[in-house]
C-alpha atoms as a PDB file:
ATOM      1  CA  UNK A   1      22.506 101.883   5.085  1.00  0.00           C
ATOM      2  CA  UNK A   2      24.140 104.684   3.095  1.00  0.00           C
ATOM      3  CA  UNK A   3      27.246 104.395   5.259  1.00  0.00           C
ATOM      4  CA  UNK A   4      27.392 100.648   4.528  1.00  0.00           C
ATOM      5  CA  UNK A   5      27.241 101.160   0.763  1.00  0.00           C
ATOM      6  CA  UNK A   6      29.798 103.968   0.922  1.00  0.00           C
ATOM      7  CA  UNK A   7      32.230 101.595   2.629  1.00  0.00           C
ATOM      8  CA  UNK A   8      31.257  98.745   0.291  1.00  0.00           C
ATOM      9  CA  UNK A   9      32.076 100.789  -2.805  1.00  0.00           C
ATOM     10  CA  UNK A  10      35.569 101.422  -1.412  1.00  0.00           C
ATOM     11  CA  UNK A  11      36.128  97.771  -0.480  1.00  0.00           C
ATOM     12  CA  UNK A  12      38.015  96.197  -3.393  1.00  0.00           C
ATOM     13  CA  UNK A  13      37.468  92.583  -2.311  1.00  0.00           C
ATOM     14  CA  UNK A  14      33.734  93.092  -1.912  1.00  0.00           C
ATOM     15  CA  UNK A  15      33.345  94.891  -5.234  1.00  0.00           C
ATOM     16  CA  UNK A  16      35.359  92.300  -7.175  1.00  0.00           C
ATOM     17  CA  UNK A  17      33.475  89.438  -5.526  1.00  0.00           C
ATOM     18  CA  UNK A  18      30.115  91.100  -6.166  1.00  0.00           C
ATOM     19  CA  UNK A  19      31.022  91.693  -9.819  1.00  0.00           C
ATOM     20  CA  UNK A  20      32.066  88.069 -10.414  1.00  0.00           C
ATOM     21  CA  UNK A  21      29.003  86.755  -8.592  1.00  0.00           C
ATOM     22  CA  UNK A  22      26.684  89.002 -10.596  1.00  0.00           C
ATOM     23  CA  UNK A  23      28.299  87.733 -13.806  1.00  0.00           C
ATOM     24  CA  UNK A  24      27.471  84.149 -12.811  1.00  0.00           C
ATOM     25  CA  UNK A  25      23.893  85.098 -11.939  1.00  0.00           C
ATOM     26  CA  UNK A  26      23.522  87.056 -15.187  1.00  0.00           C
ATOM     27  CA  UNK A  27      24.764  84.041 -17.185  1.00  0.00           C
ATOM     28  CA  UNK A  28      22.230  81.779 -15.490  1.00  0.00           C
ATOM     29  CA  UNK A  29      19.371  84.232 -16.055  1.00  0.00           C
ATOM     30  CA  UNK A  30      20.356  84.746 -19.689  1.00  0.00           C
ATOM     31  CA  UNK A  31      20.371  80.997 -20.330  1.00  0.00           C
ATOM     32  CA  UNK A  32      16.780  80.721 -19.128  1.00  0.00           C
ATOM     33  CA  UNK A  33      15.625  82.819 -22.089  1.00  0.00           C
ATOM     34  CA  UNK A  34      18.380  82.442 -24.679  1.00  0.00           C
ATOM     35  CA  UNK A  35      21.471  80.420 -25.596  1.00  0.00           C
ATOM     36  CA  UNK A  36      23.496  80.566 -28.835  1.00  0.00           C
ATOM     37  CA  UNK A  37      22.446  76.976 -29.603  1.00  0.00           C
ATOM     38  CA  UNK A  38      20.346  74.317 -27.851  1.00  0.00           C
ATOM     39  CA  UNK A  39      22.823  73.026 -25.232  1.00  0.00           C
ATOM     40  CA  UNK A  40      21.996  69.350 -25.825  1.00  0.00           C
ATOM     41  CA  UNK A  41      21.962  69.566 -29.629  1.00  0.00           C
ATOM     42  CA  UNK A  42      24.405  67.032 -31.119  1.00  0.00           C
ATOM     43  CA  UNK A  43      26.126  67.788 -34.424  1.00  0.00           C
ATOM     44  CA  UNK A  44      28.805  65.142 -35.016  1.00  0.00           C
ATOM     45  CA  UNK A  45      30.194  66.652 -38.269  1.00  0.00           C
ATOM     46  CA  UNK A  46      31.090  69.802 -36.304  1.00  0.00           C
ATOM     47  CA  UNK A  47      32.699  68.096 -33.320  1.00  0.00           C
ATOM     48  CA  UNK A  48      35.855  69.516 -31.690  1.00  0.00           C
ATOM     49  CA  UNK A  49      35.754  72.752 -33.640  1.00  0.00           C
ATOM     50  CA  UNK A  50      37.599  75.782 -32.338  1.00  0.00           C
ATOM     51  CA  UNK A  51      36.029  79.144 -31.492  1.00  0.00           C
ATOM     52  CA  UNK A  52      34.180  80.699 -34.424  1.00  0.00           C
ATOM     53  CA  UNK A  53      31.349  83.084 -35.223  1.00  0.00           C
ATOM     54  CA  UNK A  54      28.906  80.172 -35.185  1.00  0.00           C
ATOM     55  CA  UNK A  55      30.289  78.597 -31.993  1.00  0.00           C
ATOM     56  CA  UNK A  56      31.903  81.257 -29.815  1.00  0.00           C
ATOM     57  CA  UNK A  57      33.887  78.807 -27.662  1.00  0.00           C
ATOM     58  CA  UNK A  58      33.902  75.893 -30.074  1.00  0.00           C
ATOM     59  CA  UNK A  59      32.219  72.492 -29.797  1.00  0.00           C
ATOM     60  CA  UNK A  60      32.837  69.343 -27.790  1.00  0.00           C
ATOM     61  CA  UNK A  61      33.359  65.737 -28.903  1.00  0.00           C
ATOM     62  CA  UNK A  62      29.654  65.419 -29.806  1.00  0.00           C
ATOM     63  CA  UNK A  63      29.410  68.740 -31.612  1.00  0.00           C
ATOM     64  CA  UNK A  64      27.538  70.472 -28.785  1.00  0.00           C
ATOM     65  CA  UNK A  65      28.058  74.206 -28.342  1.00  0.00           C
ATOM     66  CA  UNK A  66      30.378  74.896 -25.408  1.00  0.00           C
ATOM     67  CA  UNK A  67      29.119  78.430 -24.715  1.00  0.00           C
ATOM     68  CA  UNK A  68      25.528  77.213 -24.432  1.00  0.00           C
ATOM     69  CA  UNK A  69      26.517  74.424 -22.054  1.00  0.00           C
ATOM     70  CA  UNK A  70      28.446  76.835 -19.842  1.00  0.00           C
ATOM     71  CA  UNK A  71      25.504  79.223 -19.637  1.00  0.00           C
ATOM     72  CA  UNK A  72      23.025  76.484 -18.714  1.00  0.00           C
ATOM     73  CA  UNK A  73      25.553  74.927 -16.334  1.00  0.00           C
ATOM     74  CA  UNK A  74      25.424  78.133 -14.297  1.00  0.00           C
ATOM     75  CA  UNK A  75      21.764  77.369 -13.575  1.00  0.00           C
ATOM     76  CA  UNK A  76      22.710  74.093 -11.897  1.00  0.00           C
ATOM     77  CA  UNK A  77      25.395  75.709  -9.784  1.00  0.00           C
ATOM     78  CA  UNK A  78      23.077  78.443  -8.536  1.00  0.00           C
ATOM     79  CA  UNK A  79      20.193  76.024  -7.940  1.00  0.00           C
ATOM     80  CA  UNK A  80      22.384  73.684  -5.899  1.00  0.00           C
ATOM     81  CA  UNK A  81      23.894  76.574  -3.933  1.00  0.00           C
ATOM     82  CA  UNK A  82      20.591  78.274  -3.130  1.00  0.00           C
ATOM     83  CA  UNK A  83      18.650  75.136  -2.166  1.00  0.00           C
ATOM     84  CA  UNK A  84      21.453  73.309  -0.337  1.00  0.00           C
ATOM     85  CA  UNK A  85      22.544  76.398   1.604  1.00  0.00           C
ATOM     86  CA  UNK A  86      18.907  77.304   2.259  1.00  0.00           C
ATOM     87  CA  UNK A  87      18.265  73.828   3.663  1.00  0.00           C
ATOM     88  CA  UNK A  88      21.345  73.985   5.869  1.00  0.00           C
ATOM     89  CA  UNK A  89      20.511  77.519   6.977  1.00  0.00           C
ATOM     90  CA  UNK A  90      16.890  76.794   7.902  1.00  0.00           C
ATOM     91  CA  UNK A  91      17.501  73.568   9.820  1.00  0.00           C
ATOM     92  CA  UNK A  92      20.934  74.445  11.192  1.00  0.00           C
ATOM     93  CA  UNK A  93      19.915  77.840  12.559  1.00  0.00           C
ATOM     94  CA  UNK A  94      16.834  76.337  14.204  1.00  0.00           C
ATOM     95  CA  UNK A  95      18.938  73.648  15.877  1.00  0.00           C
ATOM     96  CA  UNK A  96      21.670  76.094  16.908  1.00  0.00           C
ATOM     97  CA  UNK A  97      19.166  78.528  18.436  1.00  0.00           C
ATOM     98  CA  UNK A  98      17.446  75.672  20.266  1.00  0.00           C
ATOM     99  CA  UNK A  99      20.755  74.476  21.694  1.00  0.00           C
ATOM    100  CA  UNK A 100      21.674  77.972  22.894  1.00  0.00           C
ATOM    101  CA  UNK A 101      18.229  78.662  24.352  1.00  0.00           C
ATOM    102  CA  UNK A 102      17.646  75.348  26.134  1.00  0.00           C
ATOM    103  CA  UNK A 103      21.199  74.381  27.177  1.00  0.00           C
ATOM    104  CA  UNK A 104      21.707  71.214  29.224  1.00  0.00           C
ATOM    105  CA  UNK A 105      21.010  67.846  27.673  1.00  0.00           C
ATOM    106  CA  UNK A 106      19.219  69.428  24.682  1.00  0.00           C
ATOM    107  CA  UNK A 107      22.340  71.366  23.705  1.00  0.00           C
ATOM    108  CA  UNK A 108      24.521  68.322  24.255  1.00  0.00           C
ATOM    109  CA  UNK A 109      22.282  66.116  22.111  1.00  0.00           C
ATOM    110  CA  UNK A 110      22.167  68.606  19.227  1.00  0.00           C
ATOM    111  CA  UNK A 111      25.896  69.258  19.230  1.00  0.00           C
ATOM    112  CA  UNK A 112      26.846  65.579  19.422  1.00  0.00           C
ATOM    113  CA  UNK A 113      24.446  64.870  16.561  1.00  0.00           C
ATOM    114  CA  UNK A 114      26.149  67.632  14.586  1.00  0.00           C
ATOM    115  CA  UNK A 115      29.537  66.063  15.293  1.00  0.00           C
ATOM    116  CA  UNK A 116      28.217  62.716  14.081  1.00  0.00           C
ATOM    117  CA  UNK A 117      26.928  64.276  10.841  1.00  0.00           C
ATOM    118  CA  UNK A 118      30.390  65.701  10.164  1.00  0.00           C
ATOM    119  CA  UNK A 119      31.604  62.111   9.751  1.00  0.00           C
ATOM    120  CA  UNK A 120      29.590  61.949   6.509  1.00  0.00           C
ATOM    121  CA  UNK A 121      30.823  64.668   4.120  1.00  0.00           C
ATOM    122  CA  UNK A 122      28.750  65.648   1.109  1.00  0.00           C
ATOM    123  CA  UNK A 123      30.612  63.296  -1.246  1.00  0.00           C
ATOM    124  CA  UNK A 124      30.177  60.258   0.992  1.00  0.00           C
ATOM    125  CA  UNK A 125      26.525  61.132   1.657  1.00  0.00           C
ATOM    126  CA  UNK A 126      25.926  61.458  -2.085  1.00  0.00           C
ATOM    127  CA  UNK A 127      27.456  58.033  -2.706  1.00  0.00           C
ATOM    128  CA  UNK A 128      25.194  56.457  -0.086  1.00  0.00           C
ATOM    129  CA  UNK A 129      22.078  58.232  -1.383  1.00  0.00           C
ATOM    130  CA  UNK A 130      22.984  57.329  -4.963  1.00  0.00           C
ATOM    131  CA  UNK A 131      23.287  53.667  -4.044  1.00  0.00           C
ATOM    132  CA  UNK A 132      19.728  53.786  -2.658  1.00  0.00           C
ATOM    133  CA  UNK A 133      17.864  56.223  -4.911  1.00  0.00           C
ATOM    134  CA  UNK A 134      20.091  56.582  -7.977  1.00  0.00           C
ATOM    135  CA  UNK A 135      22.248  59.520  -9.131  1.00  0.00           C
ATOM    136  CA  UNK A 136      20.830  62.946  -9.903  1.00  0.00           C
ATOM    137  CA  UNK A 137      20.752  66.629  -9.093  1.00  0.00           C
ATOM    138  CA  UNK A 138      18.233  66.170  -6.261  1.00  0.00           C
ATOM    139  CA  UNK A 139      20.476  63.690  -4.463  1.00  0.00           C
ATOM    140  CA  UNK A 140      23.394  66.116  -4.787  1.00  0.00           C
ATOM    141  CA  UNK A 141      21.333  68.922  -3.264  1.00  0.00           C
ATOM    142  CA  UNK A 142      20.172  66.725  -0.382  1.00  0.00           C
ATOM    143  CA  UNK A 143      23.691  65.470   0.355  1.00  0.00           C
ATOM    144  CA  UNK A 144      25.218  68.952   0.323  1.00  0.00           C
ATOM    145  CA  UNK A 145      22.315  70.362   2.328  1.00  0.00           C
ATOM    146  CA  UNK A 146      22.669  67.694   5.020  1.00  0.00           C
ATOM    147  CA  UNK A 147      26.371  68.504   5.340  1.00  0.00           C
ATOM    148  CA  UNK A 148      25.573  72.223   5.726  1.00  0.00           C
ATOM    149  CA  UNK A 149      23.172  71.660   8.639  1.00  0.00           C
ATOM    150  CA  UNK A 150      25.810  70.960  11.342  1.00  0.00           C
ATOM    151  CA  UNK A 151      27.975  73.821  10.029  1.00  0.00           C
ATOM    152  CA  UNK A 152      25.192  76.337  10.572  1.00  0.00           C
ATOM    153  CA  UNK A 153      24.148  74.672  13.844  1.00  0.00           C
ATOM    154  CA  UNK A 154      27.616  75.043  15.367  1.00  0.00           C
ATOM    155  CA  UNK A 155      28.090  78.615  14.174  1.00  0.00           C
ATOM    156  CA  UNK A 156      24.609  79.634  15.336  1.00  0.00           C
ATOM    157  CA  UNK A 157      25.032  78.030  18.728  1.00  0.00           C
ATOM    158  CA  UNK A 158      28.423  79.649  19.323  1.00  0.00           C
ATOM    159  CA  UNK A 159      27.260  83.109  18.238  1.00  0.00           C
ATOM    160  CA  UNK A 160      23.954  82.802  20.117  1.00  0.00           C
ATOM    161  CA  UNK A 161      25.689  81.779  23.355  1.00  0.00           C
ATOM    162  CA  UNK A 162      27.667  85.017  23.222  1.00  0.00           C
ATOM    163  CA  UNK A 163      24.449  87.030  22.809  1.00  0.00           C
ATOM    164  CA  UNK A 164      22.703  85.197  25.664  1.00  0.00           C
ATOM    165  CA  UNK A 165      25.349  86.499  28.087  1.00  0.00           C
ATOM    166  CA  UNK A 166      24.746  90.163  27.161  1.00  0.00           C
ATOM    167  CA  UNK A 167      23.155  92.566  29.631  1.00  0.00           C
ATOM    168  CA  UNK A 168      20.152  93.412  27.455  1.00  0.00           C
ATOM    169  CA  UNK A 169      19.263  89.732  27.156  1.00  0.00           C
ATOM    170  CA  UNK A 170      19.530  89.316  30.935  1.00  0.00           C
ATOM    171  CA  UNK A 171      17.264  92.362  31.297  1.00  0.00           C
ATOM    172  CA  UNK A 172      14.754  90.827  28.878  1.00  0.00           C
ATOM    173  CA  UNK A 173      14.729  87.610  30.887  1.00  0.00           C
ATOM    174  CA  UNK A 174      14.205  89.561  34.091  1.00  0.00           C
ATOM    175  CA  UNK A 175      11.258  91.312  32.429  1.00  0.00           C
ATOM    176  CA  UNK A 176       9.625  87.934  31.866  1.00  0.00           C
ATOM    177  CA  UNK A 177      10.371  87.335  28.185  1.00  0.00           C
ATOM    178  CA  UNK A 178      10.472  83.685  27.168  1.00  0.00           C
ATOM    179  CA  UNK A 179      13.432  81.959  25.560  1.00  0.00           C
ATOM    180  CA  UNK A 180      11.909  81.869  22.069  1.00  0.00           C
ATOM    181  CA  UNK A 181      10.810  85.496  22.240  1.00  0.00           C
ATOM    182  CA  UNK A 182      14.328  86.524  23.213  1.00  0.00           C
ATOM    183  CA  UNK A 183      15.730  84.409  20.383  1.00  0.00           C
ATOM    184  CA  UNK A 184      13.524  86.136  17.810  1.00  0.00           C
ATOM    185  CA  UNK A 185      13.844  89.668  19.196  1.00  0.00           C
ATOM    186  CA  UNK A 186      17.475  89.771  20.286  1.00  0.00           C
ATOM    187  CA  UNK A 187      19.542  86.735  19.299  1.00  0.00           C
ATOM    188  CA  UNK A 188      18.744  86.259  15.603  1.00  0.00           C
ATOM    189  CA  UNK A 189      19.022  89.961  14.636  1.00  0.00           C
ATOM    190  CA  UNK A 190      22.463  90.147  16.267  1.00  0.00           C
ATOM    191  CA  UNK A 191      23.881  87.026  14.639  1.00  0.00           C
ATOM    192  CA  UNK A 192      22.329  87.558  11.200  1.00  0.00           C
ATOM    193  CA  UNK A 193      25.487  89.134   9.755  1.00  0.00           C
ATOM    194  CA  UNK A 194      27.596  86.103  10.703  1.00  0.00           C
ATOM    195  CA  UNK A 195      25.051  83.761   9.152  1.00  0.00           C
ATOM    196  CA  UNK A 196      24.955  85.779   5.925  1.00  0.00           C
ATOM    197  CA  UNK A 197      28.735  85.654   5.601  1.00  0.00           C
ATOM    198  CA  UNK A 198      28.809  81.908   6.297  1.00  0.00           C
ATOM    199  CA  UNK A 199      26.002  81.283   3.791  1.00  0.00           C
ATOM    200  CA  UNK A 200      27.996  83.104   1.100  1.00  0.00           C
ATOM    201  CA  UNK A 201      31.089  81.007   1.771  1.00  0.00           C
ATOM    202  CA  UNK A 202      29.109  77.745   1.866  1.00  0.00           C
ATOM    203  CA  UNK A 203      27.492  78.737  -1.437  1.00  0.00           C
ATOM    204  CA  UNK A 204      30.961  78.558  -2.994  1.00  0.00           C
ATOM    205  CA  UNK A 205      31.596  75.214  -1.302  1.00  0.00           C
ATOM    206  CA  UNK A 206      28.289  73.895  -2.660  1.00  0.00           C
ATOM    207  CA  UNK A 207      29.301  74.807  -6.221  1.00  0.00           C
ATOM    208  CA  UNK A 208      32.577  72.927  -5.797  1.00  0.00           C
ATOM    209  CA  UNK A 209      30.788  69.933  -4.278  1.00  0.00           C
ATOM    210  CA  UNK A 210      28.238  69.810  -7.104  1.00  0.00           C
ATOM    211  CA  UNK A 211      31.010  70.000  -9.700  1.00  0.00           C
ATOM    212  CA  UNK A 212      32.878  67.168  -7.955  1.00  0.00           C
ATOM    213  CA  UNK A 213      29.765  64.996  -7.753  1.00  0.00           C
ATOM    214  CA  UNK A 214      28.914  65.619 -11.415  1.00  0.00           C
ATOM    215  CA  UNK A 215      32.518  64.846 -12.362  1.00  0.00           C
ATOM    216  CA  UNK A 216      32.119  61.458 -10.646  1.00  0.00           C
ATOM    217  CA  UNK A 217      28.789  60.847 -12.371  1.00  0.00           C
ATOM    218  CA  UNK A 218      26.736  61.234  -9.162  1.00  0.00           C
ATOM    219  CA  UNK A 219      25.354  64.717  -9.807  1.00  0.00           C
ATOM    220  CA  UNK A 220      23.534  66.257 -12.755  1.00  0.00           C
ATOM    221  CA  UNK A 221      22.744  63.613 -15.363  1.00  0.00           C
ATOM    222  CA  UNK A 222      22.789  63.940 -19.183  1.00  0.00           C
ATOM    223  CA  UNK A 223      21.522  65.651 -21.225  1.00  0.00           C
ATOM    224  CA  UNK A 224      21.452  68.477 -18.640  1.00  0.00           C
ATOM    225  CA  UNK A 225      24.781  70.377 -18.858  1.00  0.00           C
ATOM    226  CA  UNK A 226      26.991  70.574 -15.777  1.00  0.00           C
ATOM    227  CA  UNK A 227      30.417  72.140 -15.333  1.00  0.00           C
ATOM    228  CA  UNK A 228      31.693  69.098 -13.447  1.00  0.00           C
ATOM    229  CA  UNK A 229      30.541  66.630 -16.102  1.00  0.00           C
ATOM    230  CA  UNK A 230      32.019  68.866 -18.826  1.00  0.00           C
ATOM    231  CA  UNK A 231      35.385  68.445 -17.071  1.00  0.00           C
ATOM    232  CA  UNK A 232      34.890  64.692 -16.938  1.00  0.00           C
ATOM    233  CA  UNK A 233      34.082  64.490 -20.643  1.00  0.00           C
ATOM    234  CA  UNK A 234      36.998  66.779 -21.534  1.00  0.00           C
ATOM    235  CA  UNK A 235      39.649  64.584 -19.912  1.00  0.00           C
ATOM    236  CA  UNK A 236      39.593  62.126 -22.803  1.00  0.00           C
ATOM    237  CA  UNK A 237      40.235  64.981 -25.264  1.00  0.00           C
ATOM    238  CA  UNK A 238      43.040  66.732 -23.392  1.00  0.00           C
ATOM    239  CA  UNK A 239      45.560  66.448 -26.237  1.00  0.00           C
ATOM    240  CA  UNK A 240      43.126  67.038 -29.079  1.00  0.00           C
ATOM    241  CA  UNK A 241      41.160  69.923 -27.567  1.00  0.00           C
ATOM    242  CA  UNK A 242      42.630  71.121 -24.242  1.00  0.00           C
ATOM    243  CA  UNK A 243      40.309  74.133 -24.149  1.00  0.00           C
ATOM    244  CA  UNK A 244      37.393  71.792 -23.424  1.00  0.00           C
ATOM    245  CA  UNK A 245      38.745  71.440 -19.880  1.00  0.00           C
ATOM    246  CA  UNK A 246      39.783  75.080 -19.562  1.00  0.00           C
ATOM    247  CA  UNK A 247      36.336  76.607 -20.095  1.00  0.00           C
ATOM    248  CA  UNK A 248      34.382  74.794 -17.338  1.00  0.00           C
ATOM    249  CA  UNK A 249      37.414  74.999 -15.057  1.00  0.00           C
ATOM    250  CA  UNK A 250      37.570  78.770 -15.457  1.00  0.00           C
ATOM    251  CA  UNK A 251      33.800  79.019 -14.878  1.00  0.00           C
ATOM    252  CA  UNK A 252      34.120  77.119 -11.580  1.00  0.00           C
ATOM    253  CA  UNK A 253      37.132  79.188 -10.492  1.00  0.00           C
ATOM    254  CA  UNK A 254      35.438  82.510 -11.264  1.00  0.00           C
ATOM    255  CA  UNK A 255      32.248  81.519  -9.444  1.00  0.00           C
ATOM    256  CA  UNK A 256      33.986  80.185  -6.338  1.00  0.00           C
ATOM    257  CA  UNK A 257      36.494  83.049  -6.242  1.00  0.00           C
ATOM    258  CA  UNK A 258      33.717  85.610  -6.594  1.00  0.00           C
ATOM    259  CA  UNK A 259      31.656  84.128  -3.764  1.00  0.00           C
ATOM    260  CA  UNK A 260      34.668  83.795  -1.461  1.00  0.00           C
ATOM    261  CA  UNK A 261      35.716  87.395  -2.099  1.00  0.00           C
ATOM    262  CA  UNK A 262      32.117  88.488  -1.551  1.00  0.00           C
ATOM    263  CA  UNK A 263      32.003  86.593   1.738  1.00  0.00           C
ATOM    264  CA  UNK A 264      35.303  88.082   2.908  1.00  0.00           C
ATOM    265  CA  UNK A 265      34.097  91.546   1.967  1.00  0.00           C
ATOM    266  CA  UNK A 266      30.798  91.097   3.805  1.00  0.00           C
ATOM    267  CA  UNK A 267      32.652  89.873   6.883  1.00  0.00           C
ATOM    268  CA  UNK A 268      34.793  92.999   6.903  1.00  0.00           C
ATOM    269  CA  UNK A 269      31.862  95.321   6.279  1.00  0.00           C
ATOM    270  CA  UNK A 270      29.507  93.726   8.813  1.00  0.00           C
ATOM    271  CA  UNK A 271      32.062  93.442  11.614  1.00  0.00           C
ATOM    272  CA  UNK A 272      31.814  96.706  13.590  1.00  0.00           C
ATOM    273  CA  UNK A 273      35.450  96.527  14.692  1.00  0.00           C
ATOM    274  CA  UNK A 274      36.742  96.063  11.159  1.00  0.00           C
ATOM    275  CA  UNK A 275      34.320  98.707   9.907  1.00  0.00           C
ATOM    276  CA  UNK A 276      35.729 101.275  12.332  1.00  0.00           C
ATOM    277  CA  UNK A 277      39.277 100.468  11.199  1.00  0.00           C
ATOM    278  CA  UNK A 278      38.269 101.196   7.634  1.00  0.00           C
END
């Protein structure tokens, strides 16, 4: 563990990604307890003001404090990422491990089902769910989570198949261990690093997807702040107050960049071959 952290501290991509990700998490945690102003508070006389001591990043077209909305918007992004990726991870890993352990028609059925699910990306799934149940944050999470399931299933199955061909797994089978016992004792521990890296990258994708859905009016609904909806509302004020679009855009870029750099860094650090090169 000490060796890992020694290499991590020297890995520029990992450190930058971890720093940006921690900033996003810190913003979300801070907004739970404190914001400069109530994020949904409307003050029309103070609309479209520039940065000031009272409003650090200015106000929007309804007089709402931009800084407060950005802080609370981080909560949505993290909630969507954690739940949607967690859903995809739990179901996808279970399906991928089952496919690798059982093989035959079970593997074929799971993989073809995963291919079918890929035909319905998160945006299209959200549109269908919205038409049935109405727009909202929950529908966004479900749509993104469903799209993540086949991603994790395919990665898990491919990585698990490689482990099932190893000598120590063959020895375990010869000793009478069952398929599920081998999966828990040997397969999952050896593919965990790949799953962690993929989860980090899909976290960034989930933030982008949530922002896109909110921009289209299918995600987080008013009065709850959302970075994507802030972009949507800012487009009508581009010439009067262009910074209204810059702030949420920068927040999305920093969050996604941080998570992608963190994922790349983890991939380098957890890959034994790359670790030896470093």
